Amino acid sequence: MPSSVMPTPRQGDGPQSPAAVSAVGLRKSYGDKTVLDGIDLHIPAGSVFALLGPNGAGKTTAVKILSTLITADAGNLHVGGHDLAADPQAVRAAIGVTGQFSAVDGLITGEENMLLMADLHHLSRSEGRRTAADLLERFDLVEAAKKPASTYSGGMKRRLDIAMTLVGNPRIIFLDEPTTGLDPRSRHNMWGIIRDLVSDGVTVFLTTQYLDEADELADRIAVLNDGKIAAEGTADELKRLIPGGHVRLRFTDPAAYRSAALALHEVTRDDDSLTLQIPSDGSQRELRSILDWLDSAGIEADELTVHTPDLDDVFFALTSDTNQSPKEAVR
């Protein structure tokens, strides 16, 4: 992939953190359609990784492969320290999966759904009841436990879905668009659940169509486009890929404003509001340079604000035209 769209190297120029999920050269095609074209992933244990991409980009296919639901055409794949091709059963024992569509059986109660999952994990009757009770309490479903799941709201069904996923105590969870269709309050409640899971050391592989969700939750984000990883990094690293970032200086002293406007290069003036806009990637180095220059010139700005592109800008720049290379897309 073009190095020009990659953010600053992850701390991987030296030894990388142990990977909960590792993929090298992951490929998958359906007939003449290449869905995943040799992608690489390295997801450290105890982190949240978000995979973004337009519809049909291959996000769900990647989840299905890494959770053993379908096989890859090629790739060196390890999940939970297990070789996915050689020992898929060990991978299944280490993971939990919550798909786009709920696995909840609406004809039975929430508690019965939990107990059914406990049976599937071969828990004893007493251990299954204890596990179900603990998870129903953790996900605030005790009052609804005896009611048919068909009566649950969308947010309650999603909470029950994830609670069922946790019955086997997986250390790696794949969440494929877990908040699709939820109202804003339910989405925020789900974010809290995901944060709690990670604080317990669980690794979360998240696909989402909500860019604010990835921005809020993910330690690292990859943008998948046309079967390839167009860019990967932290949210802040990705935002710095896109032009348009700037530092805004606001003055109340007209003399200080004029002095700064004359001395600074490539600055956009707004004489009415006494503000200057300086192109910047928002990095600490650039901010320090601007502050050092103001100090050395004896000029004091009343307000300094940093404006950077958001993930929407990144997403559209990297995926707006599948005929463009990622390098062209961010120009």
C-alpha atoms as a PDB file:
ATOM      1  CA  MET A   1       0.000   0.000   0.000  1.00  0.00           C
ATOM      2  CA  PRO A   2       1.235   3.493  -0.629  1.00  0.00           C
ATOM      3  CA  SER A   3       3.300   4.710   2.262  1.00  0.00           C
ATOM      4  CA  SER A   4       2.004   8.211   1.681  1.00  0.00           C
ATOM      5  CA  VAL A   5      -1.338   7.375   3.275  1.00  0.00           C
ATOM      6  CA  MET A   6       0.075   5.612   6.290  1.00  0.00           C
ATOM      7  CA  PRO A   7       0.354   7.566   9.533  1.00  0.00           C
ATOM      8  CA  THR A   8       3.406   7.711  11.678  1.00  0.00           C
ATOM      9  CA  PRO A   9       4.750   4.214  12.194  1.00  0.00           C
ATOM     10  CA  ARG A  10       3.173   2.376  15.073  1.00  0.00           C
ATOM     11  CA  GLN A  11       5.523   1.407  17.783  1.00  0.00           C
ATOM     12  CA  GLY A  12       6.337  -1.458  15.571  1.00  0.00           C
ATOM     13  CA  ASP A  13       9.687  -0.423  14.301  1.00  0.00           C
ATOM     14  CA  GLY A  14      10.755  -2.473  17.326  1.00  0.00           C
ATOM     15  CA  PRO A  15       8.986  -5.514  18.798  1.00  0.00           C
ATOM     16  CA  GLN A  16       5.199  -5.279  18.550  1.00  0.00           C
ATOM     17  CA  SER A  17       2.766  -6.012  21.361  1.00  0.00           C
ATOM     18  CA  PRO A  18       1.465  -9.601  21.473  1.00  0.00           C
ATOM     19  CA  ALA A  19      -1.358  -9.855  18.974  1.00  0.00           C
ATOM     20  CA  ALA A  20      -4.809 -11.084  19.897  1.00  0.00           C
ATOM     21  CA  VAL A  21      -5.568 -11.104  16.159  1.00  0.00           C
ATOM     22  CA  SER A  22      -2.951 -11.246  13.422  1.00  0.00           C
ATOM     23  CA  ALA A  23      -3.489 -11.460   9.684  1.00  0.00           C
ATOM     24  CA  VAL A  24      -0.819 -11.347   6.999  1.00  0.00           C
ATOM     25  CA  GLY A  25      -1.847 -11.437   3.362  1.00  0.00           C
ATOM     26  CA  LEU A  26      -5.524 -12.190   3.993  1.00  0.00           C
ATOM     27  CA  ARG A  27      -7.290 -12.835   0.709  1.00  0.00           C
ATOM     28  CA  LYS A  28     -10.823 -13.803  -0.229  1.00  0.00           C
ATOM     29  CA  SER A  29     -12.598 -13.845  -3.579  1.00  0.00           C
ATOM     30  CA  TYR A  30     -16.024 -14.873  -4.768  1.00  0.00           C
ATOM     31  CA  GLY A  31     -15.719 -15.814  -8.398  1.00  0.00           C
ATOM     32  CA  ASP A  32     -14.165 -12.868 -10.220  1.00  0.00           C
ATOM     33  CA  LYS A  33     -14.843 -10.493  -7.316  1.00  0.00           C
ATOM     34  CA  THR A  34     -11.873  -9.948  -4.996  1.00  0.00           C
ATOM     35  CA  VAL A  35     -13.286  -8.966  -1.612  1.00  0.00           C
ATOM     36  CA  LEU A  36     -10.085  -8.942   0.455  1.00  0.00           C
ATOM     37  CA  ASP A  37      -6.901  -8.351  -1.478  1.00  0.00           C
ATOM     38  CA  GLY A  38      -4.039  -9.321   0.815  1.00  0.00           C
ATOM     39  CA  ILE A  39      -4.757  -7.234   3.924  1.00  0.00           C
ATOM     40  CA  ASP A  40      -2.550  -7.205   7.031  1.00  0.00           C
ATOM     41  CA  LEU A  41      -3.840  -6.687  10.582  1.00  0.00           C
ATOM     42  CA  HIS A  42      -2.127  -6.631  13.980  1.00  0.00           C
ATOM     43  CA  ILE A  43      -4.459  -6.142  16.946  1.00  0.00           C
ATOM     44  CA  PRO A  44      -2.837  -6.049  20.401  1.00  0.00           C
ATOM     45  CA  ALA A  45      -4.569  -7.846  23.254  1.00  0.00           C
ATOM     46  CA  GLY A  46      -6.836  -5.715  25.421  1.00  0.00           C
ATOM     47  CA  SER A  47      -7.505  -3.085  22.769  1.00  0.00           C
ATOM     48  CA  VAL A  48     -10.359  -1.964  20.529  1.00  0.00           C
ATOM     49  CA  PHE A  49      -9.733  -2.188  16.798  1.00  0.00           C
ATOM     50  CA  ALA A  50     -12.269  -0.664  14.401  1.00  0.00           C
ATOM     51  CA  LEU A  51     -12.558  -1.650  10.758  1.00  0.00           C
ATOM     52  CA  LEU A  52     -14.309   0.989   8.656  1.00  0.00           C
ATOM     53  CA  GLY A  53     -15.361   0.903   5.046  1.00  0.00           C
ATOM     54  CA  PRO A  54     -18.259   1.491   2.681  1.00  0.00           C
ATOM     55  CA  ASN A  55     -20.936  -1.141   2.209  1.00  0.00           C
ATOM     56  CA  GLY A  56     -19.486  -4.110   0.348  1.00  0.00           C
ATOM     57  CA  ALA A  57     -15.908  -3.234   1.260  1.00  0.00           C
ATOM     58  CA  GLY A  58     -15.353  -6.624   2.929  1.00  0.00           C
ATOM     59  CA  LYS A  59     -15.716  -5.782   6.637  1.00  0.00           C
ATOM     60  CA  THR A  60     -18.167  -8.576   7.407  1.00  0.00           C
ATOM     61  CA  THR A  61     -16.178 -11.005   5.264  1.00  0.00           C
ATOM     62  CA  ALA A  62     -13.086 -10.277   7.369  1.00  0.00           C
ATOM     63  CA  VAL A  63     -15.056 -10.910  10.570  1.00  0.00           C
ATOM     64  CA  LYS A  64     -16.501 -14.156   9.216  1.00  0.00           C
ATOM     65  CA  ILE A  65     -13.054 -15.431   8.249  1.00  0.00           C
ATOM     66  CA  LEU A  66     -11.360 -14.502  11.525  1.00  0.00           C
ATOM     67  CA  SER A  67     -14.231 -16.038  13.526  1.00  0.00           C
ATOM     68  CA  THR A  68     -13.994 -19.300  11.512  1.00  0.00           C
ATOM     69  CA  LEU A  69     -17.401 -18.952   9.853  1.00  0.00           C
ATOM     70  CA  ILE A  70     -15.878 -19.051   6.364  1.00  0.00           C
ATOM     71  CA  THR A  71     -12.406 -19.911   5.095  1.00  0.00           C
ATOM     72  CA  ALA A  72      -9.852 -17.592   3.540  1.00  0.00           C
ATOM     73  CA  ASP A  73      -8.309 -18.190   0.135  1.00  0.00           C
ATOM     74  CA  ALA A  74      -4.884 -17.243   1.475  1.00  0.00           C
ATOM     75  CA  GLY A  75      -3.224 -15.674   4.484  1.00  0.00           C
ATOM     76  CA  ASN A  76      -1.266 -16.393   7.627  1.00  0.00           C
ATOM     77  CA  LEU A  77      -3.968 -15.953  10.292  1.00  0.00           C
ATOM     78  CA  HIS A  78      -3.739 -16.252  14.071  1.00  0.00           C
ATOM     79  CA  VAL A  79      -6.471 -15.529  16.607  1.00  0.00           C
ATOM     80  CA  GLY A  80      -5.884 -15.854  20.343  1.00  0.00           C
ATOM     81  CA  GLY A  81      -2.467 -17.327  19.630  1.00  0.00           C
ATOM     82  CA  HIS A  82      -3.962 -20.159  17.554  1.00  0.00           C
ATOM     83  CA  ASP A  83      -3.379 -20.825  13.868  1.00  0.00           C
ATOM     84  CA  LEU A  84      -6.790 -20.366  12.317  1.00  0.00           C
ATOM     85  CA  ALA A  85      -6.225 -22.920   9.551  1.00  0.00           C
ATOM     86  CA  ALA A  86      -4.599 -25.569  11.732  1.00  0.00           C
ATOM     87  CA  ASP A  87      -6.739 -25.280  14.880  1.00  0.00           C
ATOM     88  CA  PRO A  88     -10.073 -23.549  14.205  1.00  0.00           C
ATOM     89  CA  GLN A  89     -11.662 -25.247  17.205  1.00  0.00           C
ATOM     90  CA  ALA A  90      -9.202 -23.566  19.579  1.00  0.00           C
ATOM     91  CA  VAL A  91      -9.995 -20.232  17.916  1.00  0.00           C
ATOM     92  CA  ARG A  92     -13.731 -20.805  18.437  1.00  0.00           C
ATOM     93  CA  ALA A  93     -13.125 -21.507  22.109  1.00  0.00           C
ATOM     94  CA  ALA A  94     -11.284 -18.194  22.511  1.00  0.00           C
ATOM     95  CA  ILE A  95     -13.737 -15.872  20.782  1.00  0.00           C
ATOM     96  CA  GLY A  96     -17.256 -14.527  20.917  1.00  0.00           C
ATOM     97  CA  VAL A  97     -19.158 -13.116  17.946  1.00  0.00           C
ATOM     98  CA  THR A  98     -22.064 -10.698  17.788  1.00  0.00           C
ATOM     99  CA  GLY A  99     -23.252 -10.155  14.231  1.00  0.00           C
ATOM    100  CA  GLN A 100     -25.235  -7.410  12.566  1.00  0.00           C
ATOM    101  CA  PHE A 101     -28.440  -9.297  13.233  1.00  0.00           C
ATOM    102  CA  SER A 102     -29.383 -10.458  16.690  1.00  0.00           C
ATOM    103  CA  ALA A 103     -29.005 -14.134  17.602  1.00  0.00           C
ATOM    104  CA  VAL A 104     -31.648 -13.703  20.306  1.00  0.00           C
ATOM    105  CA  ASP A 105     -34.647 -16.092  20.112  1.00  0.00           C
ATOM    106  CA  GLY A 106     -37.666 -13.876  20.602  1.00  0.00           C
ATOM    107  CA  LEU A 107     -39.972 -16.786  21.441  1.00  0.00           C
ATOM    108  CA  ILE A 108     -38.272 -17.517  24.768  1.00  0.00           C
ATOM    109  CA  THR A 109     -37.331 -15.320  27.709  1.00  0.00           C
ATOM    110  CA  GLY A 110     -34.050 -13.505  28.144  1.00  0.00           C
ATOM    111  CA  GLU A 111     -33.075 -15.910  30.905  1.00  0.00           C
ATOM    112  CA  GLU A 112     -33.898 -18.922  28.721  1.00  0.00           C
ATOM    113  CA  ASN A 113     -31.745 -17.484  25.939  1.00  0.00           C
ATOM    114  CA  MET A 114     -28.870 -17.246  28.411  1.00  0.00           C
ATOM    115  CA  LEU A 115     -29.385 -20.776  29.728  1.00  0.00           C
ATOM    116  CA  LEU A 116     -29.543 -22.127  26.182  1.00  0.00           C
ATOM    117  CA  MET A 117     -26.189 -20.519  25.477  1.00  0.00           C
ATOM    118  CA  ALA A 118     -24.795 -21.995  28.709  1.00  0.00           C
ATOM    119  CA  ASP A 119     -25.900 -25.454  27.522  1.00  0.00           C
ATOM    120  CA  LEU A 120     -24.149 -24.891  24.195  1.00  0.00           C
ATOM    121  CA  HIS A 121     -20.968 -24.133  26.147  1.00  0.00           C
ATOM    122  CA  HIS A 122     -21.433 -27.357  28.140  1.00  0.00           C
ATOM    123  CA  LEU A 123     -21.668 -25.577  31.474  1.00  0.00           C
ATOM    124  CA  SER A 124     -23.145 -27.537  34.353  1.00  0.00           C
ATOM    125  CA  ARG A 125     -26.711 -26.657  35.351  1.00  0.00           C
ATOM    126  CA  SER A 126     -25.597 -24.768  38.460  1.00  0.00           C
ATOM    127  CA  GLU A 127     -22.720 -22.989  36.699  1.00  0.00           C
ATOM    128  CA  GLY A 128     -24.978 -22.062  33.805  1.00  0.00           C
ATOM    129  CA  ARG A 129     -27.588 -20.525  36.100  1.00  0.00           C
ATOM    130  CA  ARG A 130     -24.935 -18.629  38.035  1.00  0.00           C
ATOM    131  CA  THR A 131     -23.320 -17.316  34.841  1.00  0.00           C
ATOM    132  CA  ALA A 132     -26.691 -16.318  33.371  1.00  0.00           C
ATOM    133  CA  ALA A 133     -27.699 -14.508  36.550  1.00  0.00           C
ATOM    134  CA  ASP A 134     -24.396 -12.639  36.759  1.00  0.00           C
ATOM    135  CA  LEU A 135     -24.552 -11.480  33.131  1.00  0.00           C
ATOM    136  CA  LEU A 136     -28.224 -10.510  33.279  1.00  0.00           C
ATOM    137  CA  GLU A 137     -27.385  -8.321  36.258  1.00  0.00           C
ATOM    138  CA  ARG A 138     -24.283  -6.883  34.600  1.00  0.00           C
ATOM    139  CA  PHE A 139     -26.290  -5.883  31.531  1.00  0.00           C
ATOM    140  CA  ASP A 140     -29.219  -4.489  33.499  1.00  0.00           C
ATOM    141  CA  LEU A 141     -31.655  -7.152  32.295  1.00  0.00           C
ATOM    142  CA  VAL A 142     -32.785  -8.690  35.590  1.00  0.00           C
ATOM    143  CA  GLU A 143     -36.244  -7.119  35.550  1.00  0.00           C
ATOM    144  CA  ALA A 144     -36.830  -8.309  31.972  1.00  0.00           C
ATOM    145  CA  ALA A 145     -35.266 -11.742  32.423  1.00  0.00           C
ATOM    146  CA  LYS A 146     -38.592 -13.599  32.682  1.00  0.00           C
ATOM    147  CA  LYS A 147     -40.195 -11.781  29.743  1.00  0.00           C
ATOM    148  CA  PRO A 148     -40.149 -13.036  26.127  1.00  0.00           C
ATOM    149  CA  ALA A 149     -37.225 -11.468  24.263  1.00  0.00           C
ATOM    150  CA  SER A 150     -39.669 -10.411  21.532  1.00  0.00           C
ATOM    151  CA  THR A 151     -40.915  -7.743  23.951  1.00  0.00           C
ATOM    152  CA  TYR A 152     -37.437  -6.223  24.373  1.00  0.00           C
ATOM    153  CA  SER A 153     -36.426  -2.906  22.847  1.00  0.00           C
ATOM    154  CA  GLY A 154     -33.639  -2.828  20.262  1.00  0.00           C
ATOM    155  CA  GLY A 155     -31.114  -1.745  22.863  1.00  0.00           C
ATOM    156  CA  MET A 156     -32.189  -4.505  25.274  1.00  0.00           C
ATOM    157  CA  LYS A 157     -31.894  -7.138  22.552  1.00  0.00           C
ATOM    158  CA  ARG A 158     -28.377  -5.941  21.726  1.00  0.00           C
ATOM    159  CA  ARG A 159     -27.390  -6.074  25.395  1.00  0.00           C
ATOM    160  CA  LEU A 160     -28.813  -9.586  25.660  1.00  0.00           C
ATOM    161  CA  ASP A 161     -26.988 -10.552  22.458  1.00  0.00           C
ATOM    162  CA  ILE A 162     -23.634  -9.463  23.897  1.00  0.00           C
ATOM    163  CA  ALA A 163     -24.437 -11.056  27.269  1.00  0.00           C
ATOM    164  CA  MET A 164     -25.037 -14.353  25.444  1.00  0.00           C
ATOM    165  CA  THR A 165     -21.715 -13.904  23.656  1.00  0.00           C
ATOM    166  CA  LEU A 166     -19.941 -13.586  27.026  1.00  0.00           C
ATOM    167  CA  VAL A 167     -21.286 -16.845  28.482  1.00  0.00           C
ATOM    168  CA  GLY A 168     -18.151 -18.677  27.357  1.00  0.00           C
ATOM    169  CA  ASN A 169     -15.882 -15.958  28.815  1.00  0.00           C
ATOM    170  CA  PRO A 170     -14.173 -15.162  25.498  1.00  0.00           C
ATOM    171  CA  ARG A 171     -11.057 -12.998  25.545  1.00  0.00           C
ATOM    172  CA  ILE A 172     -11.619 -11.785  21.985  1.00  0.00           C
ATOM    173  CA  ILE A 173     -14.981 -10.474  20.774  1.00  0.00           C
ATOM    174  CA  PHE A 174     -15.987  -9.648  17.222  1.00  0.00           C
ATOM    175  CA  LEU A 175     -18.732  -7.016  17.130  1.00  0.00           C
ATOM    176  CA  ASP A 176     -20.060  -6.606  13.600  1.00  0.00           C
ATOM    177  CA  GLU A 177     -21.952  -3.278  13.535  1.00  0.00           C
ATOM    178  CA  PRO A 178     -23.289  -3.772  17.083  1.00  0.00           C
ATOM    179  CA  THR A 179     -25.227  -0.501  17.311  1.00  0.00           C
ATOM    180  CA  THR A 180     -26.917  -0.457  13.906  1.00  0.00           C
ATOM    181  CA  GLY A 181     -30.520   0.630  14.318  1.00  0.00           C
ATOM    182  CA  LEU A 182     -30.179   1.730  17.942  1.00  0.00           C
ATOM    183  CA  ASP A 183     -31.291   5.128  19.200  1.00  0.00           C
ATOM    184  CA  PRO A 184     -28.573   7.534  20.445  1.00  0.00           C
ATOM    185  CA  ARG A 185     -29.095   6.671  24.132  1.00  0.00           C
ATOM    186  CA  SER A 186     -28.853   2.927  23.461  1.00  0.00           C
ATOM    187  CA  ARG A 187     -25.735   3.489  21.353  1.00  0.00           C
ATOM    188  CA  HIS A 188     -24.055   5.369  24.194  1.00  0.00           C
ATOM    189  CA  ASN A 189     -25.051   2.606  26.637  1.00  0.00           C
ATOM    190  CA  MET A 190     -23.456   0.075  24.284  1.00  0.00           C
ATOM    191  CA  TRP A 191     -20.269   2.147  24.185  1.00  0.00           C
ATOM    192  CA  GLY A 192     -20.098   1.926  27.966  1.00  0.00           C
ATOM    193  CA  ILE A 193     -20.452  -1.860  27.779  1.00  0.00           C
ATOM    194  CA  ILE A 194     -17.630  -2.088  25.241  1.00  0.00           C
ATOM    195  CA  ARG A 195     -15.359   0.076  27.416  1.00  0.00           C
ATOM    196  CA  ASP A 196     -16.096  -2.151  30.420  1.00  0.00           C
ATOM    197  CA  LEU A 197     -15.175  -5.244  28.417  1.00  0.00           C
ATOM    198  CA  VAL A 198     -11.835  -3.753  27.395  1.00  0.00           C
ATOM    199  CA  SER A 199     -11.108  -2.658  30.968  1.00  0.00           C
ATOM    200  CA  ASP A 200     -11.431  -6.340  31.879  1.00  0.00           C
ATOM    201  CA  GLY A 201      -8.733  -7.188  29.318  1.00  0.00           C
ATOM    202  CA  VAL A 202     -11.020  -8.292  26.485  1.00  0.00           C
ATOM    203  CA  THR A 203      -9.964  -7.510  22.911  1.00  0.00           C
ATOM    204  CA  VAL A 204     -12.715  -6.050  20.725  1.00  0.00           C
ATOM    205  CA  PHE A 205     -12.709  -6.206  16.930  1.00  0.00           C
ATOM    206  CA  LEU A 206     -15.369  -3.726  15.865  1.00  0.00           C
ATOM    207  CA  THR A 207     -16.896  -3.000  12.499  1.00  0.00           C
ATOM    208  CA  THR A 208     -19.162   0.006  12.369  1.00  0.00           C
ATOM    209  CA  GLN A 209     -20.863   2.385   9.974  1.00  0.00           C
ATOM    210  CA  TYR A 210     -20.783   5.137  12.598  1.00  0.00           C
ATOM    211  CA  LEU A 211     -17.551   7.106  12.373  1.00  0.00           C
ATOM    212  CA  ASP A 212     -18.105   8.802  15.728  1.00  0.00           C
ATOM    213  CA  GLU A 213     -18.296   5.333  17.268  1.00  0.00           C
ATOM    214  CA  ALA A 214     -14.855   4.402  15.967  1.00  0.00           C
ATOM    215  CA  ASP A 215     -13.508   7.793  17.030  1.00  0.00           C
ATOM    216  CA  GLU A 216     -14.930   7.325  20.529  1.00  0.00           C
ATOM    217  CA  LEU A 217     -13.923   3.713  21.160  1.00  0.00           C
ATOM    218  CA  ALA A 218     -11.066   2.505  19.003  1.00  0.00           C
ATOM    219  CA  ASP A 219      -7.384   2.440  19.906  1.00  0.00           C
ATOM    220  CA  ARG A 220      -6.589   1.860  16.230  1.00  0.00           C
ATOM    221  CA  ILE A 221      -8.702   2.225  13.116  1.00  0.00           C
ATOM    222  CA  ALA A 222      -8.271   0.784   9.631  1.00  0.00           C
ATOM    223  CA  VAL A 223     -10.161   2.006   6.575  1.00  0.00           C
ATOM    224  CA  LEU A 224     -10.942  -0.797   4.137  1.00  0.00           C
ATOM    225  CA  ASN A 225     -11.594   0.176   0.533  1.00  0.00           C
ATOM    226  CA  ASP A 226     -11.698  -1.859  -2.647  1.00  0.00           C
ATOM    227  CA  GLY A 227     -10.328  -4.906  -0.825  1.00  0.00           C
ATOM    228  CA  LYS A 228      -7.275  -3.143   0.605  1.00  0.00           C
ATOM    229  CA  ILE A 229      -6.385  -1.246   3.766  1.00  0.00           C
ATOM    230  CA  ALA A 230      -6.359   2.358   2.553  1.00  0.00           C
ATOM    231  CA  ALA A 231      -4.955   3.681   5.840  1.00  0.00           C
ATOM    232  CA  GLU A 232      -4.503   2.601   9.438  1.00  0.00           C
ATOM    233  CA  GLY A 233      -3.655   4.401  12.668  1.00  0.00           C
ATOM    234  CA  THR A 234      -5.123   6.086  15.697  1.00  0.00           C
ATOM    235  CA  ALA A 235      -8.029   8.432  15.087  1.00  0.00           C
ATOM    236  CA  ASP A 236      -5.718  11.434  15.471  1.00  0.00           C
ATOM    237  CA  GLU A 237      -3.157   9.983  13.059  1.00  0.00           C
ATOM    238  CA  LEU A 238      -5.805   9.383  10.424  1.00  0.00           C
ATOM    239  CA  LYS A 239      -7.220  12.879  10.782  1.00  0.00           C
ATOM    240  CA  ARG A 240      -3.789  14.336  10.116  1.00  0.00           C
ATOM    241  CA  LEU A 241      -3.715  12.586   6.727  1.00  0.00           C
ATOM    242  CA  ILE A 242      -6.316  14.963   5.331  1.00  0.00           C
ATOM    243  CA  PRO A 243      -5.519  18.566   4.319  1.00  0.00           C
ATOM    244  CA  GLY A 244      -7.471  21.350   5.984  1.00  0.00           C
ATOM    245  CA  GLY A 245      -6.141  21.306   9.513  1.00  0.00           C
ATOM    246  CA  HIS A 246      -5.222  24.658  10.934  1.00  0.00           C
ATOM    247  CA  VAL A 247      -4.432  26.646  14.063  1.00  0.00           C
ATOM    248  CA  ARG A 248      -6.586  29.712  14.706  1.00  0.00           C
ATOM    249  CA  LEU A 249      -5.202  32.646  16.669  1.00  0.00           C
ATOM    250  CA  ARG A 250      -7.623  35.257  17.970  1.00  0.00           C
ATOM    251  CA  PHE A 251      -6.520  38.692  19.204  1.00  0.00           C
ATOM    252  CA  THR A 252      -8.229  41.514  21.053  1.00  0.00           C
ATOM    253  CA  ASP A 253      -5.318  43.936  20.539  1.00  0.00           C
ATOM    254  CA  PRO A 254      -5.376  45.200  16.911  1.00  0.00           C
ATOM    255  CA  ALA A 255      -1.670  46.062  17.047  1.00  0.00           C
ATOM    256  CA  ALA A 256      -0.724  42.540  18.120  1.00  0.00           C
ATOM    257  CA  TYR A 257      -2.987  41.146  15.400  1.00  0.00           C
ATOM    258  CA  ARG A 258      -1.342  43.277  12.701  1.00  0.00           C
ATOM    259  CA  SER A 259       2.164  42.386  13.882  1.00  0.00           C
ATOM    260  CA  ALA A 260       1.385  38.679  13.820  1.00  0.00           C
ATOM    261  CA  ALA A 261      -0.303  38.911  10.407  1.00  0.00           C
ATOM    262  CA  LEU A 262       2.730  40.656   8.902  1.00  0.00           C
ATOM    263  CA  ALA A 263       5.268  38.268  10.388  1.00  0.00           C
ATOM    264  CA  LEU A 264       3.589  34.915   9.864  1.00  0.00           C
ATOM    265  CA  HIS A 265       3.749  33.223   6.476  1.00  0.00           C
ATOM    266  CA  GLU A 266       0.886  31.408   4.713  1.00  0.00           C
ATOM    267  CA  VAL A 267      -1.647  32.931   7.048  1.00  0.00           C
ATOM    268  CA  THR A 268      -5.312  33.641   6.334  1.00  0.00           C
ATOM    269  CA  ARG A 269      -6.534  36.910   7.831  1.00  0.00           C
ATOM    270  CA  ASP A 270      -9.947  37.880   9.136  1.00  0.00           C
ATOM    271  CA  ASP A 271      -9.664  41.582   9.943  1.00  0.00           C
ATOM    272  CA  ASP A 272     -13.216  41.816  11.282  1.00  0.00           C
ATOM    273  CA  SER A 273     -12.745  39.201  13.990  1.00  0.00           C
ATOM    274  CA  LEU A 274      -8.983  39.781  14.433  1.00  0.00           C
ATOM    275  CA  THR A 275      -8.226  36.102  13.787  1.00  0.00           C
ATOM    276  CA  LEU A 276      -5.440  34.427  11.870  1.00  0.00           C
ATOM    277  CA  GLN A 277      -5.634  30.936  10.425  1.00  0.00           C
ATOM    278  CA  ILE A 278      -2.358  29.027  10.009  1.00  0.00           C
ATOM    279  CA  PRO A 279      -2.226  25.712   8.093  1.00  0.00           C
ATOM    280  CA  SER A 280      -1.176  22.964  10.498  1.00  0.00           C
ATOM    281  CA  ASP A 281      -1.441  19.223  10.964  1.00  0.00           C
ATOM    282  CA  GLY A 282      -2.125  19.814  14.659  1.00  0.00           C
ATOM    283  CA  SER A 283       1.013  17.996  15.752  1.00  0.00           C
ATOM    284  CA  GLN A 284       2.709  18.866  19.025  1.00  0.00           C
ATOM    285  CA  ARG A 285       5.822  19.908  17.107  1.00  0.00           C
ATOM    286  CA  GLU A 286       3.953  22.472  15.016  1.00  0.00           C
ATOM    287  CA  LEU A 287       2.052  23.866  17.994  1.00  0.00           C
ATOM    288  CA  ARG A 288       5.287  24.268  19.931  1.00  0.00           C
ATOM    289  CA  SER A 289       6.848  26.061  16.955  1.00  0.00           C
ATOM    290  CA  ILE A 290       3.951  28.544  16.766  1.00  0.00           C
ATOM    291  CA  LEU A 291       4.005  29.185  20.530  1.00  0.00           C
ATOM    292  CA  ASP A 292       7.795  29.607  20.538  1.00  0.00           C
ATOM    293  CA  TRP A 293       7.542  32.113  17.685  1.00  0.00           C
ATOM    294  CA  LEU A 294       4.860  34.131  19.507  1.00  0.00           C
ATOM    295  CA  ASP A 295       6.993  34.191  22.665  1.00  0.00           C
ATOM    296  CA  SER A 296      10.145  35.250  20.826  1.00  0.00           C
ATOM    297  CA  ALA A 297       8.242  38.043  19.020  1.00  0.00           C
ATOM    298  CA  GLY A 298       6.647  39.232  22.243  1.00  0.00           C
ATOM    299  CA  ILE A 299       3.175  38.750  20.769  1.00  0.00           C
ATOM    300  CA  GLU A 300       0.355  37.373  22.876  1.00  0.00           C
ATOM    301  CA  ALA A 301      -2.712  35.795  21.303  1.00  0.00           C
ATOM    302  CA  ASP A 302      -5.843  35.807  23.433  1.00  0.00           C
ATOM    303  CA  GLU A 303      -7.009  32.446  22.150  1.00  0.00           C
ATOM    304  CA  LEU A 304      -5.423  29.536  20.298  1.00  0.00           C
ATOM    305  CA  THR A 305      -7.566  26.730  18.927  1.00  0.00           C
ATOM    306  CA  VAL A 306      -6.627  23.684  16.846  1.00  0.00           C
ATOM    307  CA  HIS A 307      -8.936  22.543  14.083  1.00  0.00           C
ATOM    308  CA  THR A 308      -8.392  19.144  12.492  1.00  0.00           C
ATOM    309  CA  PRO A 309     -10.433  17.170   9.954  1.00  0.00           C
ATOM    310  CA  ASP A 310     -12.742  14.574  11.511  1.00  0.00           C
ATOM    311  CA  LEU A 311     -13.131  10.900  10.615  1.00  0.00           C
ATOM    312  CA  ASP A 312     -15.925  11.752   8.184  1.00  0.00           C
ATOM    313  CA  ASP A 313     -13.383  13.748   6.164  1.00  0.00           C
ATOM    314  CA  VAL A 314     -10.917  10.863   6.315  1.00  0.00           C
ATOM    315  CA  PHE A 315     -13.530   8.292   5.325  1.00  0.00           C
ATOM    316  CA  PHE A 316     -14.816  10.228   2.339  1.00  0.00           C
ATOM    317  CA  ALA A 317     -11.328  11.131   1.147  1.00  0.00           C
ATOM    318  CA  LEU A 318     -10.179   7.515   1.232  1.00  0.00           C
ATOM    319  CA  THR A 319     -13.320   5.877  -0.133  1.00  0.00           C
ATOM    320  CA  SER A 320     -14.957   8.506  -2.352  1.00  0.00           C
ATOM    321  CA  ASP A 321     -13.710   7.072  -5.627  1.00  0.00           C
ATOM    322  CA  THR A 322     -12.748   3.441  -5.864  1.00  0.00           C
ATOM    323  CA  ASN A 323     -10.986   4.187  -9.155  1.00  0.00           C
ATOM    324  CA  GLN A 324      -8.535   6.440  -7.333  1.00  0.00           C
ATOM    325  CA  SER A 325      -5.572   5.233  -5.385  1.00  0.00           C
ATOM    326  CA  PRO A 326      -5.599   6.201  -1.716  1.00  0.00           C
ATOM    327  CA  LYS A 327      -2.735   8.549  -2.479  1.00  0.00           C
ATOM    328  CA  GLU A 328      -4.865  10.387  -5.030  1.00  0.00           C
ATOM    329  CA  ALA A 329      -7.894  10.382  -2.732  1.00  0.00           C
ATOM    330  CA  VAL A 330      -6.187  12.386  -0.007  1.00  0.00           C
ATOM    331  CA  ARG A 331      -4.846  15.058  -2.336  1.00  0.00           C
END
